[in-house]
Amino acid sequence: MGASSKKQDSEKASTERPVAVVTGGAGSMGTIICGALAREGMRVAVGYNRSGEKAKKLVASLPGEGHAAIAAPVTDSPALAAMAVEVSKRYGVCDVLVNCAGVTRFVPHGDLDSLDDDLIENILSTNVRGVFATVRAMRALLDKSKQAGGAVIVNISSIAAVTAMGSNVMYCASKAAVDNMTKSLARALAPRIRVISISPGVVDNDFIRSMDKKWLEEQVARTPLKRLAAPDEVAASVIAAIKHLTFTTGGIIPVDGGRPLS
């Protein structure tokens, strides 16, 4: 086989690799997930809001080819429509959508006054409406997937949806809404698109490490497996949902060390 033929075969293989779009892709959890997707041979579109430079640096560091940093502010539906146009121009399809964009701030549950309206609106518009708006914007491209079993949407939720224990009351409510939305969308989009929630417990990341040490120790003590979740474990569950749990849709997959059992 000549050099020209080898190059053509390489280019064909590159264009046939699955395409994964990750909102919040430049965040701490998003970065780990993007890396895992790239190592699985996918072309990754790193969606970002204000972290454009960070997203570009991440793209440059990912293994494989065909990755891109694309603006994806999930609270801006016209901007999401523009993102879908950009994904269509670059790839023509979306095989995997990971909704990882999210916001929160620590507010004690009993301190109702500190959970002000602006924070509530920010949490709900990002964590809940943003998930739906992104799915709505990407649906046509997801429908084009030729993956066996169809396209996959993975929503990054939280065990706070079940335990009602988390960074604040509205954050817990927002993740409960995401899990409910996962079920509704799974029914609505089947059989072409599967929809799954990944529900981590407390994850050992920069945000959590910045919390009060006593609070962290309490979280570990309340977890049957007596440790926090590693970010790589959450990313591995995303890969499992995409590649291995091919007869699962509408499911909420816990990665929580058994937290609801305590």
Protein backbone atom coordinates (compact mmCIF):
# COMPACT_ATOMS: atom_id res chain seq x y z
CA MET A 1 0.00 0.00 0.00
CA GLY A 2 1.38 3.41 -1.01
CA ALA A 3 1.79 6.44 1.25
CA SER A 4 -1.19 8.16 -0.39
CA SER A 5 -3.49 5.19 0.32
CA LYS A 6 -2.32 4.98 3.93
CA LYS A 7 -3.04 8.69 4.39
CA GLN A 8 -6.53 8.30 2.91
CA ASP A 9 -7.27 5.32 5.17
CA SER A 10 -6.07 7.32 8.19
CA GLU A 11 -8.24 10.30 7.28
CA LYS A 12 -11.27 8.03 6.75
CA ALA A 13 -10.75 6.37 10.14
CA SER A 14 -10.47 9.81 11.76
CA THR A 15 -13.75 11.03 10.28
CA GLU A 16 -15.54 7.81 11.30
CA ARG A 17 -14.60 8.11 14.98
CA PRO A 18 -17.56 8.98 17.24
CA VAL A 19 -18.14 12.64 18.13
CA ALA A 20 -18.72 13.64 21.75
CA VAL A 21 -19.85 17.12 22.82
CA VAL A 22 -19.23 18.03 26.47
CA THR A 23 -20.75 21.17 27.98
CA GLY A 24 -18.74 22.53 30.87
CA GLY A 25 -15.88 20.65 29.27
CA ALA A 26 -13.18 22.95 30.62
CA GLY A 27 -14.32 22.59 34.24
CA SER A 28 -12.64 20.27 36.73
CA MET A 29 -15.00 17.33 36.12
CA GLY A 30 -15.46 18.15 32.44
CA THR A 31 -11.71 18.03 31.86
CA ILE A 32 -11.48 14.52 33.27
CA ILE A 33 -14.46 13.36 31.21
CA CYS A 34 -13.07 14.88 28.00
CA GLY A 35 -9.79 13.07 28.56
CA ALA A 36 -11.57 9.76 29.09
CA LEU A 37 -13.67 10.20 25.93
CA ALA A 38 -10.58 11.06 23.86
CA ARG A 39 -8.73 8.00 25.18
CA GLU A 40 -11.69 5.91 24.04
CA GLY A 41 -11.04 7.15 20.49
CA MET A 42 -13.73 9.81 20.27
CA ARG A 43 -13.44 13.24 18.71
CA VAL A 44 -14.26 15.64 21.53
CA ALA A 45 -15.89 19.06 21.25
CA VAL A 46 -15.06 20.85 24.49
CA GLY A 47 -17.95 23.19 25.22
CA TYR A 48 -17.19 26.27 27.29
CA ASN A 49 -18.78 29.47 28.54
CA ARG A 50 -16.11 31.85 29.84
CA SER A 51 -13.16 29.43 29.82
CA GLY A 52 -12.21 29.66 26.15
CA GLU A 53 -8.44 29.68 26.66
CA LYS A 54 -8.62 26.82 29.12
CA ALA A 55 -10.75 24.84 26.66
CA LYS A 56 -8.24 25.42 23.86
CA LYS A 57 -5.37 24.25 26.06
CA LEU A 58 -7.35 21.14 26.97
CA VAL A 59 -8.03 20.40 23.30
CA ALA A 60 -4.31 20.65 22.54
CA SER A 61 -3.54 18.15 25.31
CA LEU A 62 -6.09 15.49 24.35
CA PRO A 63 -4.86 12.31 22.67
CA GLY A 64 -5.95 11.72 19.09
CA GLU A 65 -7.13 14.18 16.46
CA GLY A 66 -10.27 16.07 15.52
CA HIS A 67 -10.94 17.78 18.84
CA ALA A 68 -12.25 21.34 19.08
CA ALA A 69 -13.13 24.03 21.62
CA ILE A 70 -16.60 25.44 20.93
CA ALA A 71 -18.52 28.13 22.81
CA ALA A 72 -21.49 26.52 24.59
CA PRO A 73 -23.06 28.86 27.17
CA VAL A 74 -25.97 26.70 28.29
CA THR A 75 -28.11 29.60 29.55
CA ASP A 76 -28.12 31.20 26.08
CA SER A 77 -30.34 29.27 23.67
CA PRO A 78 -29.36 31.25 20.52
CA ALA A 79 -25.70 30.60 21.38
CA LEU A 80 -26.46 26.90 21.76
CA ALA A 81 -28.07 26.95 18.32
CA ALA A 82 -24.86 28.50 16.99
CA MET A 83 -22.87 25.76 18.74
CA ALA A 84 -24.97 23.13 16.98
CA VAL A 85 -24.26 24.80 13.65
CA GLU A 86 -20.53 24.73 14.41
CA VAL A 87 -20.64 21.06 15.41
CA SER A 88 -22.56 20.31 12.21
CA LYS A 89 -19.97 22.09 10.07
CA ARG A 90 -17.05 20.32 11.74
CA TYR A 91 -18.46 16.83 12.18
CA GLY A 92 -21.95 16.56 10.66
CA VAL A 93 -23.14 14.47 13.61
CA CYS A 94 -23.15 14.13 17.40
CA ASP A 95 -22.92 10.63 18.84
CA VAL A 96 -22.53 11.53 22.50
CA LEU A 97 -23.69 14.58 24.45
CA VAL A 98 -22.43 14.99 28.02
CA ASN A 99 -24.24 17.70 29.98
CA CYS A 100 -21.58 18.57 32.52
CA ALA A 101 -22.08 22.34 32.88
CA GLY A 102 -23.29 23.25 36.35
CA VAL A 103 -23.05 25.86 39.08
CA THR A 104 -23.50 25.99 42.84
CA ARG A 105 -22.34 27.80 45.96
CA PHE A 106 -22.22 26.54 49.50
CA VAL A 107 -25.14 27.88 51.57
CA PRO A 108 -26.20 26.16 54.81
CA HIS A 109 -29.64 24.63 54.29
CA GLY A 110 -31.11 26.50 57.23
CA ASP A 111 -29.90 29.89 56.00
CA LEU A 112 -32.82 30.71 53.71
CA ASP A 113 -31.93 34.38 53.36
CA SER A 114 -28.48 33.67 51.89
CA LEU A 115 -30.02 31.55 49.14
CA ASP A 116 -31.09 34.68 47.31
CA ASP A 117 -33.11 34.93 44.12
CA ASP A 118 -30.10 35.63 41.90
CA LEU A 119 -28.36 32.46 43.05
CA ILE A 120 -31.56 30.44 42.68
CA GLU A 121 -32.06 31.70 39.12
CA ASN A 122 -28.43 30.98 38.24
CA ILE A 123 -28.60 27.42 39.56
CA LEU A 124 -31.91 26.59 37.88
CA SER A 125 -31.12 28.24 34.55
CA THR A 126 -27.74 26.48 34.33
CA ASN A 127 -28.34 23.11 35.96
CA VAL A 128 -31.89 22.46 34.74
CA ARG A 129 -32.92 24.65 31.83
CA GLY A 130 -29.39 24.46 30.43
CA VAL A 131 -29.56 20.67 30.17
CA PHE A 132 -32.87 20.76 28.34
CA ALA A 133 -31.82 23.64 26.07
CA THR A 134 -28.63 21.82 25.07
CA VAL A 135 -30.50 18.61 24.27
CA ARG A 136 -33.02 20.62 22.25
CA ALA A 137 -30.24 22.32 20.29
CA MET A 138 -28.37 19.07 19.60
CA ARG A 139 -31.27 16.70 18.93
CA ALA A 140 -31.08 16.84 15.13
CA LEU A 141 -27.37 15.98 15.19
CA LEU A 142 -27.92 13.21 17.75
CA ASP A 143 -30.59 11.74 15.48
CA LYS A 144 -27.95 11.42 12.75
CA SER A 145 -25.75 9.11 14.83
CA LYS A 146 -24.94 5.78 13.23
CA GLN A 147 -23.62 4.27 16.46
CA ALA A 148 -24.95 0.82 17.26
CA GLY A 149 -27.88 1.47 19.56
CA GLY A 150 -28.06 5.14 18.61
CA ALA A 151 -26.75 8.28 20.24
CA VAL A 152 -26.29 8.73 23.99
CA ILE A 153 -26.98 11.69 26.26
CA VAL A 154 -25.26 11.58 29.65
CA ASN A 155 -26.44 14.07 32.26
CA ILE A 156 -24.07 14.68 35.18
CA SER A 157 -26.32 14.73 38.23
CA SER A 158 -25.58 14.24 41.93
CA ILE A 159 -26.59 11.93 44.75
CA ALA A 160 -27.84 15.14 46.37
CA ALA A 161 -30.93 14.59 44.21
CA VAL A 162 -31.73 11.58 46.42
CA THR A 163 -30.29 12.50 49.81
CA ALA A 164 -31.29 16.21 49.72
CA MET A 165 -27.87 16.88 51.26
CA GLY A 166 -25.58 19.07 49.20
CA SER A 167 -24.07 22.52 48.74
CA ASN A 168 -27.48 24.21 49.09
CA VAL A 169 -31.21 23.46 48.96
CA MET A 170 -31.67 24.65 45.39
CA TYR A 171 -28.67 22.66 44.11
CA CYS A 172 -30.25 19.49 45.51
CA ALA A 173 -33.57 20.39 43.87
CA SER A 174 -31.86 21.12 40.55
CA LYS A 175 -30.26 17.68 40.44
CA ALA A 176 -33.54 16.00 41.33
CA ALA A 177 -35.02 17.84 38.36
CA VAL A 178 -32.19 16.59 36.13
CA ASP A 179 -32.87 12.98 37.12
CA ASN A 180 -36.58 13.39 36.44
CA MET A 181 -35.80 15.05 33.09
CA THR A 182 -33.50 12.14 32.23
CA LYS A 183 -36.43 9.74 32.56
CA SER A 184 -38.82 11.93 30.56
CA LEU A 185 -36.30 12.49 27.76
CA ALA A 186 -35.37 8.82 27.67
CA ARG A 187 -38.98 7.95 26.95
CA ALA A 188 -39.46 10.83 24.49
CA LEU A 189 -36.27 10.26 22.47
CA ALA A 190 -36.25 6.45 22.31
CA PRO A 191 -35.28 4.41 20.41
CA ARG A 192 -32.87 6.66 18.50
CA ILE A 193 -31.29 8.30 21.57
CA ARG A 194 -30.54 6.85 25.01
CA VAL A 195 -30.51 9.17 28.04
CA ILE A 196 -28.74 8.37 31.31
CA SER A 197 -27.90 10.26 34.52
CA ILE A 198 -24.59 9.73 36.29
CA SER A 199 -25.09 10.51 39.98
CA PRO A 200 -21.81 11.03 41.87
CA GLY A 201 -21.47 11.40 45.59
CA VAL A 202 -18.97 13.91 46.96
CA VAL A 203 -16.15 14.06 44.40
CA ASP A 204 -12.56 14.77 45.42
CA ASN A 205 -12.05 17.90 43.31
CA ASP A 206 -10.81 21.47 43.78
CA PHE A 207 -14.23 22.79 44.88
CA ILE A 208 -14.67 20.09 47.51
CA ARG A 209 -11.09 20.41 48.78
CA SER A 210 -11.75 24.11 49.41
CA MET A 211 -14.53 23.25 51.88
CA ASP A 212 -14.21 23.15 55.66
CA LYS A 213 -12.07 20.19 56.75
CA LYS A 214 -14.55 19.13 59.43
CA TRP A 215 -17.34 19.06 56.85
CA LEU A 216 -15.22 16.89 54.54
CA GLU A 217 -14.49 14.45 57.35
CA GLU A 218 -18.23 14.21 58.06
CA GLN A 219 -18.93 13.33 54.41
CA VAL A 220 -16.36 10.54 54.48
CA ALA A 221 -17.75 9.23 57.78
CA ARG A 222 -21.28 9.14 56.33
CA THR A 223 -20.16 7.15 53.27
CA PRO A 224 -20.10 3.35 53.70
CA LEU A 225 -16.95 3.01 51.57
CA LYS A 226 -15.28 5.69 53.76
CA ARG A 227 -13.81 7.86 51.05
CA LEU A 228 -14.74 10.44 48.42
CA ALA A 229 -15.34 9.59 44.78
CA ALA A 230 -12.30 9.98 42.51
CA PRO A 231 -12.96 12.10 39.39
CA ASP A 232 -11.67 9.22 37.25
CA GLU A 233 -14.38 6.98 38.70
CA VAL A 234 -17.06 9.39 37.54
CA ALA A 235 -15.48 9.54 34.07
CA ALA A 236 -15.34 5.74 33.96
CA SER A 237 -19.08 5.60 34.67
CA VAL A 238 -19.68 7.96 31.73
CA ILE A 239 -17.72 5.62 29.46
CA ALA A 240 -19.64 2.62 30.80
CA ALA A 241 -22.97 4.33 30.11
CA ILE A 242 -21.91 5.05 26.53
CA LYS A 243 -20.11 1.86 25.56
CA HIS A 244 -21.27 -0.95 27.82
CA LEU A 245 -24.76 -0.24 29.19
CA THR A 246 -26.27 -0.39 25.73
CA PHE A 247 -29.69 -1.62 26.92
CA THR A 248 -30.01 1.09 29.56
CA THR A 249 -31.99 4.30 29.14
CA GLY A 250 -33.68 6.50 31.71
CA GLY A 251 -31.40 5.05 34.38
CA ILE A 252 -29.77 6.93 37.26
CA ILE A 253 -26.33 5.42 37.86
CA PRO A 254 -24.91 6.12 41.33
CA VAL A 255 -21.19 6.63 41.88
CA ASP A 256 -21.55 7.45 45.56
CA GLY A 257 -19.84 4.84 47.73
CA GLY A 258 -23.24 3.77 49.08
CA ARG A 259 -24.04 7.19 50.56
CA PRO A 260 -27.87 6.78 50.65
CA LEU A 261 -27.40 3.63 52.78
CA SER A 262 -26.02 5.55 55.76
